[in-house]
Amino acid sequence: MDKNLTNSEIPLGLGMAFAQNIAAMEKFSTMSKIQQEEVIRRAQNIDSKAEMADFVQKLADSKSADR
């Protein structure tokens, strides 16, 4: 994954995973800016499509926006 993004940019892999998991994208959209930046930071350390899919699924499944 591209590690040279600013904090406000969504990595391509994360964006594609959100496109396939609308619940995760909706959860992300309700998060505060700080929470979104943390999700982006964590996503920047993911190196495979399967890991990213698991990451966004866990985000979608979380009961609060703190994941």
C-alpha atoms as a PDB file:
ATOM      1  CA  MET A   1       0.000   0.000   0.000  1.00  0.00           C
ATOM      2  CA  ASP A   2       1.128   3.563  -0.620  1.00  0.00           C
ATOM      3  CA  LYS A   3       2.670   4.892   2.582  1.00  0.00           C
ATOM      4  CA  ASN A   4       3.266   8.426   1.253  1.00  0.00           C
ATOM      5  CA  LEU A   5      -0.234   9.777   1.768  1.00  0.00           C
ATOM      6  CA  THR A   6      -1.241  12.662   3.947  1.00  0.00           C
ATOM      7  CA  ASN A   7      -3.470  11.733   6.863  1.00  0.00           C
ATOM      8  CA  SER A   8      -6.616  13.027   5.189  1.00  0.00           C
ATOM      9  CA  GLU A   9      -6.298  10.872   2.071  1.00  0.00           C
ATOM     10  CA  ILE A  10      -7.947   7.471   1.957  1.00  0.00           C
ATOM     11  CA  PRO A  11      -5.542   4.815   0.672  1.00  0.00           C
ATOM     12  CA  LEU A  12      -6.691   3.174  -2.549  1.00  0.00           C
ATOM     13  CA  GLY A  13      -7.016  -0.253  -0.939  1.00  0.00           C
ATOM     14  CA  LEU A  14      -9.162   1.124   1.865  1.00  0.00           C
ATOM     15  CA  GLY A  15     -11.356   2.997  -0.581  1.00  0.00           C
ATOM     16  CA  MET A  16     -11.838  -0.125  -2.665  1.00  0.00           C
ATOM     17  CA  ALA A  17     -12.636  -2.168   0.434  1.00  0.00           C
ATOM     18  CA  PHE A  18     -15.198   0.459   1.465  1.00  0.00           C
ATOM     19  CA  ALA A  19     -16.766   0.206  -1.998  1.00  0.00           C
ATOM     20  CA  GLN A  20     -17.303  -3.494  -1.328  1.00  0.00           C
ATOM     21  CA  ASN A  21     -18.494  -3.006   2.251  1.00  0.00           C
ATOM     22  CA  ILE A  22     -21.020  -0.200   2.446  1.00  0.00           C
ATOM     23  CA  ALA A  23     -21.649  -0.757   6.171  1.00  0.00           C
ATOM     24  CA  ALA A  24     -17.974  -0.067   6.895  1.00  0.00           C
ATOM     25  CA  MET A  25     -18.017   3.015   4.681  1.00  0.00           C
ATOM     26  CA  GLU A  26     -21.093   4.312   6.497  1.00  0.00           C
ATOM     27  CA  LYS A  27     -19.470   3.654   9.876  1.00  0.00           C
ATOM     28  CA  PHE A  28     -16.337   5.501   8.736  1.00  0.00           C
ATOM     29  CA  SER A  29     -18.409   8.466   7.575  1.00  0.00           C
ATOM     30  CA  THR A  30     -19.932   8.868  11.050  1.00  0.00           C
ATOM     31  CA  MET A  31     -16.544   8.935  12.783  1.00  0.00           C
ATOM     32  CA  SER A  32     -14.833  12.059  13.998  1.00  0.00           C
ATOM     33  CA  LYS A  33     -11.905  13.377  11.969  1.00  0.00           C
ATOM     34  CA  ILE A  34      -9.482  11.995  14.563  1.00  0.00           C
ATOM     35  CA  GLN A  35     -11.089   8.546  14.427  1.00  0.00           C
ATOM     36  CA  GLN A  36     -11.013   8.596  10.623  1.00  0.00           C
ATOM     37  CA  GLU A  37      -7.322   9.490  10.667  1.00  0.00           C
ATOM     38  CA  GLU A  38      -6.642   6.558  13.001  1.00  0.00           C
ATOM     39  CA  VAL A  39      -8.463   4.171  10.653  1.00  0.00           C
ATOM     40  CA  ILE A  40      -6.466   5.554   7.722  1.00  0.00           C
ATOM     41  CA  ARG A  41      -3.209   5.228   9.664  1.00  0.00           C
ATOM     42  CA  ARG A  42      -3.980   1.609  10.501  1.00  0.00           C
ATOM     43  CA  ALA A  43      -5.033   0.871   6.922  1.00  0.00           C
ATOM     44  CA  GLN A  44      -1.723   2.215   5.622  1.00  0.00           C
ATOM     45  CA  ASN A  45      -0.001  -0.669   7.411  1.00  0.00           C
ATOM     46  CA  ILE A  46      -2.098  -3.345   5.705  1.00  0.00           C
ATOM     47  CA  ASP A  47      -0.379  -5.133   2.850  1.00  0.00           C
ATOM     48  CA  SER A  48      -2.959  -7.518   1.411  1.00  0.00           C
ATOM     49  CA  LYS A  49      -6.462  -7.386   0.012  1.00  0.00           C
ATOM     50  CA  ALA A  50      -7.608 -10.099   2.419  1.00  0.00           C
ATOM     51  CA  GLU A  51      -6.269  -8.216   5.437  1.00  0.00           C
ATOM     52  CA  MET A  52      -7.963  -5.030   4.243  1.00  0.00           C
ATOM     53  CA  ALA A  53     -11.274  -6.829   3.745  1.00  0.00           C
ATOM     54  CA  ASP A  54     -11.002  -8.237   7.272  1.00  0.00           C
ATOM     55  CA  PHE A  55     -10.118  -4.809   8.650  1.00  0.00           C
ATOM     56  CA  VAL A  56     -13.138  -3.092   7.099  1.00  0.00           C
ATOM     57  CA  GLN A  57     -15.431  -5.963   8.095  1.00  0.00           C
ATOM     58  CA  LYS A  58     -14.341  -5.548  11.700  1.00  0.00           C
ATOM     59  CA  LEU A  59     -15.003  -1.843  11.338  1.00  0.00           C
ATOM     60  CA  ALA A  60     -18.503  -2.561  10.011  1.00  0.00           C
ATOM     61  CA  ASP A  61     -19.152  -5.052  12.807  1.00  0.00           C
ATOM     62  CA  SER A  62     -17.954  -2.765  15.590  1.00  0.00           C
ATOM     63  CA  LYS A  63     -20.638  -1.435  17.887  1.00  0.00           C
ATOM     64  CA  SER A  64     -18.925   1.911  18.360  1.00  0.00           C
ATOM     65  CA  ALA A  65     -16.875   4.113  16.090  1.00  0.00           C
ATOM     66  CA  ASP A  66     -13.687   3.582  18.085  1.00  0.00           C
ATOM     67  CA  ARG A  67     -12.305   0.717  16.010  1.00  0.00           C
END
